[in-house]
Amino acid sequence: MKRINPRRPLLSKPGRPYWAILALVPLVLALLLASLALGSVPIPLGEVLSILQGGETSNPAWRTIVLQFRFPRALTALAAGAALGLSGLQLQALFRNPLAGPSLLGINAGASL
């Protein structure tokens, strides 16, 4: 049986690439901005940033496109991805198996119904 040391700090685990996590956060934000700018109606990135800050734009339709269509869709995609990642983490923590997947409990078979 493995002994747990409660005084051991959480962030001192060996082999954790915290620099990679810190590098991925700006990448996620850049991809979020790209998803707001790209689409069937391409909107310049400067205009997207102006819309998000509440400033004026050269085309009023762009404000509607970004705030009512693209921004909610991008936030929903971000939240869904985070929720799927957390559910995988919880599944692996519950079974104490880093290779545990949805097929372990038959989740993927139930999803096909």
PDB file of N, CA and C in Angstrom:
ATOM      1  N   MET A   1       0.835  -1.168   0.000  1.00  0.00           N
ATOM      2  CA  MET A   1       0.000   0.000   0.000  1.00  0.00           C
ATOM      3  C   MET A   1       0.885   1.239   0.000  1.00  0.00           C
ATOM      4  N   LYS A   2       0.502   2.201  -0.796  1.00  0.00           N
ATOM      5  CA  LYS A   2       1.282   3.419  -0.938  1.00  0.00           C
ATOM      6  C   LYS A   2       0.929   4.410   0.166  1.00  0.00           C
ATOM      7  N   ARG A   3       1.960   4.986   0.779  1.00  0.00           N
ATOM      8  CA  ARG A   3       1.738   5.967   1.836  1.00  0.00           C
ATOM      9  C   ARG A   3       1.640   7.353   1.210  1.00  0.00           C
ATOM     10  N   ILE A   4       0.723   8.138   1.712  1.00  0.00           N
ATOM     11  CA  ILE A   4       0.521   9.488   1.213  1.00  0.00           C
ATOM     12  C   ILE A   4       1.093  10.473   2.219  1.00  0.00           C
ATOM     13  N   ASN A   5       1.916  11.368   1.734  1.00  0.00           N
ATOM     14  CA  ASN A   5       2.497  12.399   2.576  1.00  0.00           C
ATOM     15  C   ASN A   5       1.680  13.681   2.393  1.00  0.00           C
ATOM     16  N   PRO A   6       0.891  14.079   3.398  1.00  0.00           N
ATOM     17  CA  PRO A   6       0.045  15.267   3.235  1.00  0.00           C
ATOM     18  C   PRO A   6       0.826  16.576   3.199  1.00  0.00           C
ATOM     19  N   ARG A   7       2.078  16.562   3.610  1.00  0.00           N
ATOM     20  CA  ARG A   7       2.876  17.791   3.637  1.00  0.00           C
ATOM     21  C   ARG A   7       3.575  18.055   2.314  1.00  0.00           C
ATOM     22  N   ARG A   8       3.520  17.126   1.413  1.00  0.00           N
ATOM     23  CA  ARG A   8       4.179  17.302   0.128  1.00  0.00           C
ATOM     24  C   ARG A   8       3.378  18.280  -0.727  1.00  0.00           C
ATOM     25  N   PRO A   9       4.003  19.345  -1.206  1.00  0.00           N
ATOM     26  CA  PRO A   9       3.263  20.327  -2.002  1.00  0.00           C
ATOM     27  C   PRO A   9       2.786  19.732  -3.322  1.00  0.00           C
ATOM     28  N   LEU A  10       1.645  20.195  -3.757  1.00  0.00           N
ATOM     29  CA  LEU A  10       1.041  19.684  -4.981  1.00  0.00           C
ATOM     30  C   LEU A  10       1.859  20.042  -6.213  1.00  0.00           C
ATOM     31  N   LEU A  11       2.437  21.225  -6.238  1.00  0.00           N
ATOM     32  CA  LEU A  11       3.142  21.687  -7.427  1.00  0.00           C
ATOM     33  C   LEU A  11       4.552  21.141  -7.556  1.00  0.00           C
ATOM     34  N   SER A  12       5.021  20.345  -6.606  1.00  0.00           N
ATOM     35  CA  SER A  12       6.390  19.853  -6.671  1.00  0.00           C
ATOM     36  C   SER A  12       6.479  18.439  -7.237  1.00  0.00           C
ATOM     37  N   LYS A  13       5.440  17.970  -7.911  1.00  0.00           N
ATOM     38  CA  LYS A  13       5.501  16.633  -8.486  1.00  0.00           C
ATOM     39  C   LYS A  13       6.506  16.622  -9.632  1.00  0.00           C
ATOM     40  N   PRO A  14       7.371  15.632  -9.667  1.00  0.00           N
ATOM     41  CA  PRO A  14       8.356  15.593 -10.743  1.00  0.00           C
ATOM     42  C   PRO A  14       7.698  15.229 -12.073  1.00  0.00           C
ATOM     43  N   GLY A  15       8.247  15.779 -13.123  1.00  0.00           N
ATOM     44  CA  GLY A  15       7.775  15.433 -14.453  1.00  0.00           C
ATOM     45  C   GLY A  15       6.565  16.216 -14.931  1.00  0.00           C
ATOM     46  N   ARG A  16       6.127  17.223 -14.200  1.00  0.00           N
ATOM     47  CA  ARG A  16       4.981  18.030 -14.631  1.00  0.00           C
ATOM     48  C   ARG A  16       5.491  19.222 -15.443  1.00  0.00           C
ATOM     49  N   PRO A  17       5.140  19.311 -16.699  1.00  0.00           N
ATOM     50  CA  PRO A  17       5.626  20.430 -17.529  1.00  0.00           C
ATOM     51  C   PRO A  17       4.746  21.670 -17.380  1.00  0.00           C
ATOM     52  N   TYR A  18       4.930  22.412 -16.289  1.00  0.00           N
ATOM     53  CA  TYR A  18       4.109  23.597 -16.053  1.00  0.00           C
ATOM     54  C   TYR A  18       4.380  24.686 -17.078  1.00  0.00           C
ATOM     55  N   TRP A  19       5.575  24.702 -17.633  1.00  0.00           N
ATOM     56  CA  TRP A  19       5.873  25.683 -18.667  1.00  0.00           C
ATOM     57  C   TRP A  19       5.014  25.431 -19.898  1.00  0.00           C
ATOM     58  N   ALA A  20       4.690  24.166 -20.175  1.00  0.00           N
ATOM     59  CA  ALA A  20       3.845  23.850 -21.332  1.00  0.00           C
ATOM     60  C   ALA A  20       2.417  24.334 -21.102  1.00  0.00           C
ATOM     61  N   ILE A  21       1.937  24.193 -19.888  1.00  0.00           N
ATOM     62  CA  ILE A  21       0.584  24.664 -19.575  1.00  0.00           C
ATOM     63  C   ILE A  21       0.528  26.181 -19.699  1.00  0.00           C
ATOM     64  N   LEU A  22       1.556  26.858 -19.197  1.00  0.00           N
ATOM     65  CA  LEU A  22       1.598  28.316 -19.297  1.00  0.00           C
ATOM     66  C   LEU A  22       1.727  28.779 -20.745  1.00  0.00           C
ATOM     67  N   ALA A  23       2.353  27.974 -21.589  1.00  0.00           N
ATOM     68  CA  ALA A  23       2.475  28.337 -23.004  1.00  0.00           C
ATOM     69  C   ALA A  23       1.180  28.065 -23.761  1.00  0.00           C
ATOM     70  N   LEU A  24       0.390  27.103 -23.307  1.00  0.00           N
ATOM     71  CA  LEU A  24      -0.844  26.761 -24.017  1.00  0.00           C
ATOM     72  C   LEU A  24      -1.986  27.734 -23.741  1.00  0.00           C
ATOM     73  N   VAL A  25      -1.956  28.421 -22.617  1.00  0.00           N
ATOM     74  CA  VAL A  25      -3.031  29.378 -22.304  1.00  0.00           C
ATOM     75  C   VAL A  25      -3.079  30.513 -23.329  1.00  0.00           C
ATOM     76  N   PRO A  26      -1.951  31.166 -23.668  1.00  0.00           N
ATOM     77  CA  PRO A  26      -2.030  32.193 -24.716  1.00  0.00           C
ATOM     78  C   PRO A  26      -2.413  31.615 -26.079  1.00  0.00           C
ATOM     79  N   LEU A  27      -2.021  30.374 -26.325  1.00  0.00           N
ATOM     80  CA  LEU A  27      -2.401  29.741 -27.589  1.00  0.00           C
ATOM     81  C   LEU A  27      -3.910  29.544 -27.671  1.00  0.00           C
ATOM     82  N   VAL A  28      -4.527  29.131 -26.575  1.00  0.00           N
ATOM     83  CA  VAL A  28      -5.986  28.969 -26.547  1.00  0.00           C
ATOM     84  C   VAL A  28      -6.669  30.314 -26.757  1.00  0.00           C
ATOM     85  N   LEU A  29      -6.155  31.365 -26.124  1.00  0.00           N
ATOM     86  CA  LEU A  29      -6.738  32.694 -26.305  1.00  0.00           C
ATOM     87  C   LEU A  29      -6.577  33.184 -27.742  1.00  0.00           C
ATOM     88  N   ALA A  30      -5.425  32.904 -28.355  1.00  0.00           N
ATOM     89  CA  ALA A  30      -5.217  33.295 -29.754  1.00  0.00           C
ATOM     90  C   ALA A  30      -6.166  32.538 -30.679  1.00  0.00           C
ATOM     91  N   LEU A  31      -6.377  31.258 -30.412  1.00  0.00           N
ATOM     92  CA  LEU A  31      -7.313  30.483 -31.228  1.00  0.00           C
ATOM     93  C   LEU A  31      -8.747  30.934 -31.014  1.00  0.00           C
ATOM     94  N   LEU A  32      -9.068  31.372 -29.800  1.00  0.00           N
ATOM     95  CA  LEU A  32     -10.398  31.921 -29.537  1.00  0.00           C
ATOM     96  C   LEU A  32     -10.621  33.194 -30.351  1.00  0.00           C
ATOM     97  N   LEU A  33      -9.628  34.065 -30.393  1.00  0.00           N
ATOM     98  CA  LEU A  33      -9.733  35.275 -31.210  1.00  0.00           C
ATOM     99  C   LEU A  33      -9.805  34.939 -32.694  1.00  0.00           C
ATOM    100  N   ALA A  34      -9.050  33.926 -33.120  1.00  0.00           N
ATOM    101  CA  ALA A  34      -9.104  33.521 -34.526  1.00  0.00           C
ATOM    102  C   ALA A  34     -10.475  32.975 -34.885  1.00  0.00           C
ATOM    103  N   SER A  35     -11.110  32.256 -33.964  1.00  0.00           N
ATOM    104  CA  SER A  35     -12.449  31.737 -34.255  1.00  0.00           C
ATOM    105  C   SER A  35     -13.475  32.855 -34.329  1.00  0.00           C
ATOM    106  N   LEU A  36     -13.211  33.968 -33.650  1.00  0.00           N
ATOM    107  CA  LEU A  36     -14.108  35.118 -33.751  1.00  0.00           C
ATOM    108  C   LEU A  36     -13.903  35.878 -35.058  1.00  0.00           C
ATOM    109  N   ALA A  37     -12.695  35.844 -35.589  1.00  0.00           N
ATOM    110  CA  ALA A  37     -12.387  36.607 -36.799  1.00  0.00           C
ATOM    111  C   ALA A  37     -12.672  35.829 -38.080  1.00  0.00           C
ATOM    112  N   LEU A  38     -12.505  34.524 -38.051  1.00  0.00           N
ATOM    113  CA  LEU A  38     -12.644  33.725 -39.268  1.00  0.00           C
ATOM    114  C   LEU A  38     -14.037  33.135 -39.379  1.00  0.00           C
ATOM    115  N   GLY A  39     -14.512  33.019 -40.591  1.00  0.00           N
ATOM    116  CA  GLY A  39     -15.833  32.452 -40.841  1.00  0.00           C
ATOM    117  C   GLY A  39     -16.266  32.774 -42.255  1.00  0.00           C
ATOM    118  N   SER A  40     -17.553  32.597 -42.531  1.00  0.00           N
ATOM    119  CA  SER A  40     -18.049  32.894 -43.873  1.00  0.00           C
ATOM    120  C   SER A  40     -17.945  34.388 -44.181  1.00  0.00           C
ATOM    121  N   VAL A  41     -17.984  35.211 -43.140  1.00  0.00           N
ATOM    122  CA  VAL A  41     -17.735  36.650 -43.279  1.00  0.00           C
ATOM    123  C   VAL A  41     -16.455  36.948 -42.508  1.00  0.00           C
ATOM    124  N   PRO A  42     -15.318  37.047 -43.195  1.00  0.00           N
ATOM    125  CA  PRO A  42     -14.076  37.324 -42.462  1.00  0.00           C
ATOM    126  C   PRO A  42     -14.078  38.748 -41.911  1.00  0.00           C
ATOM    127  N   ILE A  43     -13.703  38.862 -40.650  1.00  0.00           N
ATOM    128  CA  ILE A  43     -13.658  40.155 -39.965  1.00  0.00           C
ATOM    129  C   ILE A  43     -12.215  40.385 -39.524  1.00  0.00           C
ATOM    130  N   PRO A  44     -11.656  41.551 -39.818  1.00  0.00           N
ATOM    131  CA  PRO A  44     -10.272  41.821 -39.393  1.00  0.00           C
ATOM    132  C   PRO A  44     -10.119  41.706 -37.872  1.00  0.00           C
ATOM    133  N   LEU A  45      -8.963  41.224 -37.466  1.00  0.00           N
ATOM    134  CA  LEU A  45      -8.715  40.989 -36.042  1.00  0.00           C
ATOM    135  C   LEU A  45      -8.795  42.281 -35.230  1.00  0.00           C
ATOM    136  N   GLY A  46      -8.350  43.379 -35.794  1.00  0.00           N
ATOM    137  CA  GLY A  46      -8.453  44.663 -35.101  1.00  0.00           C
ATOM    138  C   GLY A  46      -9.895  45.060 -34.839  1.00  0.00           C
ATOM    139  N   GLU A  47     -10.767  44.764 -35.801  1.00  0.00           N
ATOM    140  CA  GLU A  47     -12.192  45.058 -35.622  1.00  0.00           C
ATOM    141  C   GLU A  47     -12.801  44.158 -34.543  1.00  0.00           C
ATOM    142  N   VAL A  48     -12.371  42.901 -34.503  1.00  0.00           N
ATOM    143  CA  VAL A  48     -12.871  41.974 -33.475  1.00  0.00           C
ATOM    144  C   VAL A  48     -12.468  42.467 -32.090  1.00  0.00           C
ATOM    145  N   LEU A  49     -11.215  42.879 -31.949  1.00  0.00           N
ATOM    146  CA  LEU A  49     -10.758  43.400 -30.655  1.00  0.00           C
ATOM    147  C   LEU A  49     -11.513  44.672 -30.279  1.00  0.00           C
ATOM    148  N   SER A  50     -11.794  45.519 -31.262  1.00  0.00           N
ATOM    149  CA  SER A  50     -12.566  46.736 -31.002  1.00  0.00           C
ATOM    150  C   SER A  50     -13.989  46.405 -30.559  1.00  0.00           C
ATOM    151  N   ILE A  51     -14.588  45.404 -31.181  1.00  0.00           N
ATOM    152  CA  ILE A  51     -15.943  44.985 -30.803  1.00  0.00           C
ATOM    153  C   ILE A  51     -15.953  44.439 -29.381  1.00  0.00           C
ATOM    154  N   LEU A  52     -14.960  43.628 -29.033  1.00  0.00           N
ATOM    155  CA  LEU A  52     -14.905  43.046 -27.691  1.00  0.00           C
ATOM    156  C   LEU A  52     -14.661  44.105 -26.617  1.00  0.00           C
ATOM    157  N   GLN A  53     -13.989  45.182 -26.985  1.00  0.00           N
ATOM    158  CA  GLN A  53     -13.735  46.261 -26.030  1.00  0.00           C
ATOM    159  C   GLN A  53     -14.865  47.273 -25.996  1.00  0.00           C
ATOM    160  N   GLY A  54     -15.863  47.108 -26.861  1.00  0.00           N
ATOM    161  CA  GLY A  54     -17.007  48.014 -26.862  1.00  0.00           C
ATOM    162  C   GLY A  54     -16.835  49.237 -27.726  1.00  0.00           C
ATOM    163  N   GLY A  55     -15.828  49.238 -28.582  1.00  0.00           N
ATOM    164  CA  GLY A  55     -15.581  50.389 -29.444  1.00  0.00           C
ATOM    165  C   GLY A  55     -16.427  50.358 -30.710  1.00  0.00           C
ATOM    166  N   GLU A  56     -16.214  51.359 -31.539  1.00  0.00           N
ATOM    167  CA  GLU A  56     -16.937  51.468 -32.808  1.00  0.00           C
ATOM    168  C   GLU A  56     -16.258  50.618 -33.875  1.00  0.00           C
ATOM    169  N   THR A  57     -17.069  50.169 -34.839  1.00  0.00           N
ATOM    170  CA  THR A  57     -16.552  49.412 -35.971  1.00  0.00           C
ATOM    171  C   THR A  57     -16.976  50.093 -37.257  1.00  0.00           C
ATOM    172  N   SER A  58     -16.278  49.765 -38.335  1.00  0.00           N
ATOM    173  CA  SER A  58     -16.616  50.369 -39.622  1.00  0.00           C
ATOM    174  C   SER A  58     -17.864  49.743 -40.237  1.00  0.00           C
ATOM    175  N   ASN A  59     -18.222  48.545 -39.801  1.00  0.00           N
ATOM    176  CA  ASN A  59     -19.409  47.870 -40.324  1.00  0.00           C
ATOM    177  C   ASN A  59     -20.263  47.417 -39.135  1.00  0.00           C
ATOM    178  N   PRO A  60     -21.471  47.966 -38.971  1.00  0.00           N
ATOM    179  CA  PRO A  60     -22.293  47.585 -37.809  1.00  0.00           C
ATOM    180  C   PRO A  60     -22.750  46.127 -37.826  1.00  0.00           C
ATOM    181  N   ALA A  61     -22.784  45.501 -38.987  1.00  0.00           N
ATOM    182  CA  ALA A  61     -23.183  44.091 -39.060  1.00  0.00           C
ATOM    183  C   ALA A  61     -22.143  43.190 -38.404  1.00  0.00           C
ATOM    184  N   TRP A  62     -20.888  43.622 -38.410  1.00  0.00           N
ATOM    185  CA  TRP A  62     -19.836  42.820 -37.789  1.00  0.00           C
ATOM    186  C   TRP A  62     -20.054  42.682 -36.287  1.00  0.00           C
ATOM    187  N   ARG A  63     -20.548  43.732 -35.654  1.00  0.00           N
ATOM    188  CA  ARG A  63     -20.818  43.676 -34.216  1.00  0.00           C
ATOM    189  C   ARG A  63     -21.843  42.589 -33.915  1.00  0.00           C
ATOM    190  N   THR A  64     -22.889  42.527 -34.729  1.00  0.00           N
ATOM    191  CA  THR A  64     -23.924  41.504 -34.549  1.00  0.00           C
ATOM    192  C   THR A  64     -23.357  40.115 -34.776  1.00  0.00           C
ATOM    193  N   ILE A  65     -22.554  39.973 -35.821  1.00  0.00           N
ATOM    194  CA  ILE A  65     -21.971  38.662 -36.140  1.00  0.00           C
ATOM    195  C   ILE A  65     -21.094  38.174 -34.993  1.00  0.00           C
ATOM    196  N   VAL A  66     -20.245  39.054 -34.488  1.00  0.00           N
ATOM    197  CA  VAL A  66     -19.304  38.642 -33.439  1.00  0.00           C
ATOM    198  C   VAL A  66     -20.014  38.402 -32.112  1.00  0.00           C
ATOM    199  N   LEU A  67     -20.827  39.361 -31.680  1.00  0.00           N
ATOM    200  CA  LEU A  67     -21.403  39.276 -30.336  1.00  0.00           C
ATOM    201  C   LEU A  67     -22.581  38.321 -30.225  1.00  0.00           C
ATOM    202  N   GLN A  68     -23.338  38.152 -31.290  1.00  0.00           N
ATOM    203  CA  GLN A  68     -24.529  37.311 -31.184  1.00  0.00           C
ATOM    204  C   GLN A  68     -24.347  35.911 -31.748  1.00  0.00           C
ATOM    205  N   PHE A  69     -23.347  35.710 -32.600  1.00  0.00           N
ATOM    206  CA  PHE A  69     -23.176  34.386 -33.197  1.00  0.00           C
ATOM    207  C   PHE A  69     -21.846  33.738 -32.832  1.00  0.00           C
ATOM    208  N   ARG A  70     -20.751  34.409 -33.148  1.00  0.00           N
ATOM    209  CA  ARG A  70     -19.444  33.768 -32.987  1.00  0.00           C
ATOM    210  C   ARG A  70     -18.979  33.683 -31.540  1.00  0.00           C
ATOM    211  N   PHE A  71     -19.186  34.733 -30.761  1.00  0.00           N
ATOM    212  CA  PHE A  71     -18.699  34.724 -29.378  1.00  0.00           C
ATOM    213  C   PHE A  71     -19.403  33.670 -28.524  1.00  0.00           C
ATOM    214  N   PRO A  72     -20.742  33.564 -28.573  1.00  0.00           N
ATOM    215  CA  PRO A  72     -21.383  32.485 -27.801  1.00  0.00           C
ATOM    216  C   PRO A  72     -20.963  31.091 -28.264  1.00  0.00           C
ATOM    217  N   ARG A  73     -20.791  30.922 -29.582  1.00  0.00           N
ATOM    218  CA  ARG A  73     -20.364  29.620 -30.096  1.00  0.00           C
ATOM    219  C   ARG A  73     -18.953  29.282 -29.629  1.00  0.00           C
ATOM    220  N   ALA A  74     -18.055  30.259 -29.639  1.00  0.00           N
ATOM    221  CA  ALA A  74     -16.676  30.022 -29.207  1.00  0.00           C
ATOM    222  C   ALA A  74     -16.611  29.717 -27.712  1.00  0.00           C
ATOM    223  N   LEU A  75     -17.379  30.449 -26.906  1.00  0.00           N
ATOM    224  CA  LEU A  75     -17.387  30.176 -25.463  1.00  0.00           C
ATOM    225  C   LEU A  75     -17.998  28.816 -25.148  1.00  0.00           C
ATOM    226  N   THR A  76     -19.031  28.432 -25.901  1.00  0.00           N
ATOM    227  CA  THR A  76     -19.637  27.115 -25.698  1.00  0.00           C
ATOM    228  C   THR A  76     -18.650  26.010 -26.057  1.00  0.00           C
ATOM    229  N   ALA A  77     -17.917  26.187 -27.145  1.00  0.00           N
ATOM    230  CA  ALA A  77     -16.915  25.195 -27.540  1.00  0.00           C
ATOM    231  C   ALA A  77     -15.804  25.102 -26.502  1.00  0.00           C
ATOM    232  N   LEU A  78     -15.388  26.240 -25.971  1.00  0.00           N
ATOM    233  CA  LEU A  78     -14.350  26.248 -24.941  1.00  0.00           C
ATOM    234  C   LEU A  78     -14.829  25.551 -23.671  1.00  0.00           C
ATOM    235  N   ALA A  79     -16.063  25.833 -23.263  1.00  0.00           N
ATOM    236  CA  ALA A  79     -16.618  25.200 -22.062  1.00  0.00           C
ATOM    237  C   ALA A  79     -16.829  23.703 -22.265  1.00  0.00           C
ATOM    238  N   ALA A  80     -17.281  23.301 -23.453  1.00  0.00           N
ATOM    239  CA  ALA A  80     -17.490  21.874 -23.720  1.00  0.00           C
ATOM    240  C   ALA A  80     -16.164  21.119 -23.719  1.00  0.00           C
ATOM    241  N   GLY A  81     -15.137  21.702 -24.306  1.00  0.00           N
ATOM    242  CA  GLY A  81     -13.819  21.064 -24.293  1.00  0.00           C
ATOM    243  C   GLY A  81     -13.256  20.936 -22.892  1.00  0.00           C
ATOM    244  N   ALA A  82     -13.433  21.979 -22.089  1.00  0.00           N
ATOM    245  CA  ALA A  82     -12.963  21.922 -20.701  1.00  0.00           C
ATOM    246  C   ALA A  82     -13.739  20.880 -19.908  1.00  0.00           C
ATOM    247  N   ALA A  83     -15.044  20.785 -20.147  1.00  0.00           N
ATOM    248  CA  ALA A  83     -15.861  19.799 -19.428  1.00  0.00           C
ATOM    249  C   ALA A  83     -15.477  18.378 -19.818  1.00  0.00           C
ATOM    250  N   LEU A  84     -15.191  18.150 -21.093  1.00  0.00           N
ATOM    251  CA  LEU A  84     -14.758  16.814 -21.513  1.00  0.00           C
ATOM    252  C   LEU A  84     -13.403  16.457 -20.904  1.00  0.00           C
ATOM    253  N   GLY A  85     -12.506  17.421 -20.836  1.00  0.00           N
ATOM    254  CA  GLY A  85     -11.215  17.178 -20.206  1.00  0.00           C
ATOM    255  C   GLY A  85     -11.348  16.870 -18.727  1.00  0.00           C
ATOM    256  N   LEU A  86     -12.202  17.616 -18.044  1.00  0.00           N
ATOM    257  CA  LEU A  86     -12.419  17.366 -16.613  1.00  0.00           C
ATOM    258  C   LEU A  86     -13.099  16.027 -16.367  1.00  0.00           C
ATOM    259  N   SER A  87     -14.016  15.644 -17.235  1.00  0.00           N
ATOM    260  CA  SER A  87     -14.674  14.348 -17.041  1.00  0.00           C
ATOM    261  C   SER A  87     -13.682  13.207 -17.240  1.00  0.00           C
ATOM    262  N   GLY A  88     -12.768  13.350 -18.190  1.00  0.00           N
ATOM    263  CA  GLY A  88     -11.724  12.345 -18.355  1.00  0.00           C
ATOM    264  C   GLY A  88     -10.798  12.285 -17.160  1.00  0.00           C
ATOM    265  N   LEU A  89     -10.464  13.445 -16.620  1.00  0.00           N
ATOM    266  CA  LEU A  89      -9.624  13.501 -15.425  1.00  0.00           C
ATOM    267  C   LEU A  89     -10.309  12.830 -14.245  1.00  0.00           C
ATOM    268  N   GLN A  90     -11.603  13.082 -14.075  1.00  0.00           N
ATOM    269  CA  GLN A  90     -12.342  12.471 -12.971  1.00  0.00           C
ATOM    270  C   GLN A  90     -12.438  10.959 -13.137  1.00  0.00           C
ATOM    271  N   LEU A  91     -12.615  10.506 -14.358  1.00  0.00           N
ATOM    272  CA  LEU A  91     -12.688   9.066 -14.612  1.00  0.00           C
ATOM    273  C   LEU A  91     -11.362   8.398 -14.267  1.00  0.00           C
ATOM    274  N   GLN A  92     -10.256   9.026 -14.670  1.00  0.00           N
ATOM    275  CA  GLN A  92      -8.951   8.458 -14.368  1.00  0.00           C
ATOM    276  C   GLN A  92      -8.640   8.526 -12.876  1.00  0.00           C
ATOM    277  N   ALA A  93      -9.071   9.581 -12.213  1.00  0.00           N
ATOM    278  CA  ALA A  93      -8.828   9.695 -10.770  1.00  0.00           C
ATOM    279  C   ALA A  93      -9.690   8.712  -9.987  1.00  0.00           C
ATOM    280  N   LEU A  94     -10.911   8.484 -10.445  1.00  0.00           N
ATOM    281  CA  LEU A  94     -11.816   7.570  -9.750  1.00  0.00           C
ATOM    282  C   LEU A  94     -11.268   6.150  -9.756  1.00  0.00           C
ATOM    283  N   PHE A  95     -10.767   5.709 -10.892  1.00  0.00           N
ATOM    284  CA  PHE A  95     -10.254   4.349 -11.006  1.00  0.00           C
ATOM    285  C   PHE A  95      -8.758   4.254 -10.740  1.00  0.00           C
ATOM    286  N   ARG A  96      -8.122   5.384 -10.454  1.00  0.00           N
ATOM    287  CA  ARG A  96      -6.677   5.436 -10.202  1.00  0.00           C
ATOM    288  C   ARG A  96      -5.903   4.746 -11.315  1.00  0.00           C
ATOM    289  N   ASN A  97      -6.334   5.029 -12.526  1.00  0.00           N
ATOM    290  CA  ASN A  97      -5.728   4.425 -13.702  1.00  0.00           C
ATOM    291  C   ASN A  97      -5.536   5.522 -14.742  1.00  0.00           C
ATOM    292  N   PRO A  98      -4.290   5.884 -15.051  1.00  0.00           N
ATOM    293  CA  PRO A  98      -4.078   6.959 -16.021  1.00  0.00           C
ATOM    294  C   PRO A  98      -4.484   6.582 -17.444  1.00  0.00           C
ATOM    295  N   LEU A  99      -4.755   5.316 -17.687  1.00  0.00           N
ATOM    296  CA  LEU A  99      -5.177   4.882 -19.018  1.00  0.00           C
ATOM    297  C   LEU A  99      -6.669   4.613 -19.096  1.00  0.00           C
ATOM    298  N   ALA A 100      -7.413   4.928 -18.046  1.00  0.00           N
ATOM    299  CA  ALA A 100      -8.859   4.673 -18.044  1.00  0.00           C
ATOM    300  C   ALA A 100      -9.535   5.537 -19.094  1.00  0.00           C
ATOM    301  N   GLY A 101     -10.427   4.910 -19.833  1.00  0.00           N
ATOM    302  CA  GLY A 101     -11.163   5.615 -20.877  1.00  0.00           C
ATOM    303  C   GLY A 101     -12.651   5.383 -20.736  1.00  0.00           C
ATOM    304  N   PRO A 102     -13.434   5.985 -21.623  1.00  0.00           N
ATOM    305  CA  PRO A 102     -14.886   5.850 -21.530  1.00  0.00           C
ATOM    306  C   PRO A 102     -15.380   4.428 -21.782  1.00  0.00           C
ATOM    307  N   SER A 103     -14.573   3.606 -22.446  1.00  0.00           N
ATOM    308  CA  SER A 103     -15.009   2.231 -22.698  1.00  0.00           C
ATOM    309  C   SER A 103     -14.940   1.368 -21.439  1.00  0.00           C
ATOM    310  N   LEU A 104     -14.268   1.849 -20.402  1.00  0.00           N
ATOM    311  CA  LEU A 104     -14.140   1.087 -19.162  1.00  0.00           C
ATOM    312  C   LEU A 104     -15.495   0.846 -18.510  1.00  0.00           C
ATOM    313  N   LEU A 105     -16.365   1.826 -18.549  1.00  0.00           N
ATOM    314  CA  LEU A 105     -17.697   1.696 -17.960  1.00  0.00           C
ATOM    315  C   LEU A 105     -18.786   1.505 -19.008  1.00  0.00           C
ATOM    316  N   GLY A 106     -18.418   1.468 -20.267  1.00  0.00           N
ATOM    317  CA  GLY A 106     -19.421   1.344 -21.318  1.00  0.00           C
ATOM    318  C   GLY A 106     -20.092   2.662 -21.654  1.00  0.00           C
ATOM    319  N   ILE A 107     -19.428   3.756 -21.363  1.00  0.00           N
ATOM    320  CA  ILE A 107     -20.003   5.078 -21.632  1.00  0.00           C
ATOM    321  C   ILE A 107     -20.175   5.294 -23.124  1.00  0.00           C
ATOM    322  N   ASN A 108     -19.190   4.868 -23.910  1.00  0.00           N
ATOM    323  CA  ASN A 108     -19.294   5.085 -25.354  1.00  0.00           C
ATOM    324  C   ASN A 108     -20.391   4.219 -25.970  1.00  0.00           C
ATOM    325  N   ALA A 109     -20.663   3.045 -25.419  1.00  0.00           N
ATOM    326  CA  ALA A 109     -21.759   2.219 -25.931  1.00  0.00           C
ATOM    327  C   ALA A 109     -23.107   2.842 -25.580  1.00  0.00           C
ATOM    328  N   GLY A 110     -23.204   3.427 -24.396  1.00  0.00           N
ATOM    329  CA  GLY A 110     -24.446   4.097 -24.011  1.00  0.00           C
ATOM    330  C   GLY A 110     -24.684   5.363 -24.808  1.00  0.00           C
ATOM    331  N   ALA A 111     -23.619   6.011 -25.245  1.00  0.00           N
ATOM    332  CA  ALA A 111     -23.763   7.237 -26.030  1.00  0.00           C
ATOM    333  C   ALA A 111     -24.261   6.949 -27.435  1.00  0.00           C
ATOM    334  N   SER A 112     -24.100   5.713 -27.894  1.00  0.00           N
ATOM    335  CA  SER A 112     -24.538   5.382 -29.256  1.00  0.00           C
ATOM    336  C   SER A 112     -26.032   5.136 -29.339  1.00  0.00           C
ATOM    337  N   LEU A 113     -26.706   5.059 -28.200  1.00  0.00           N
ATOM    338  CA  LEU A 113     -28.148   4.831 -28.227  1.00  0.00           C
ATOM    339  C   LEU A 113     -28.830   6.016 -28.729  1.00  0.00           C
TER     340      LEU A 113
END
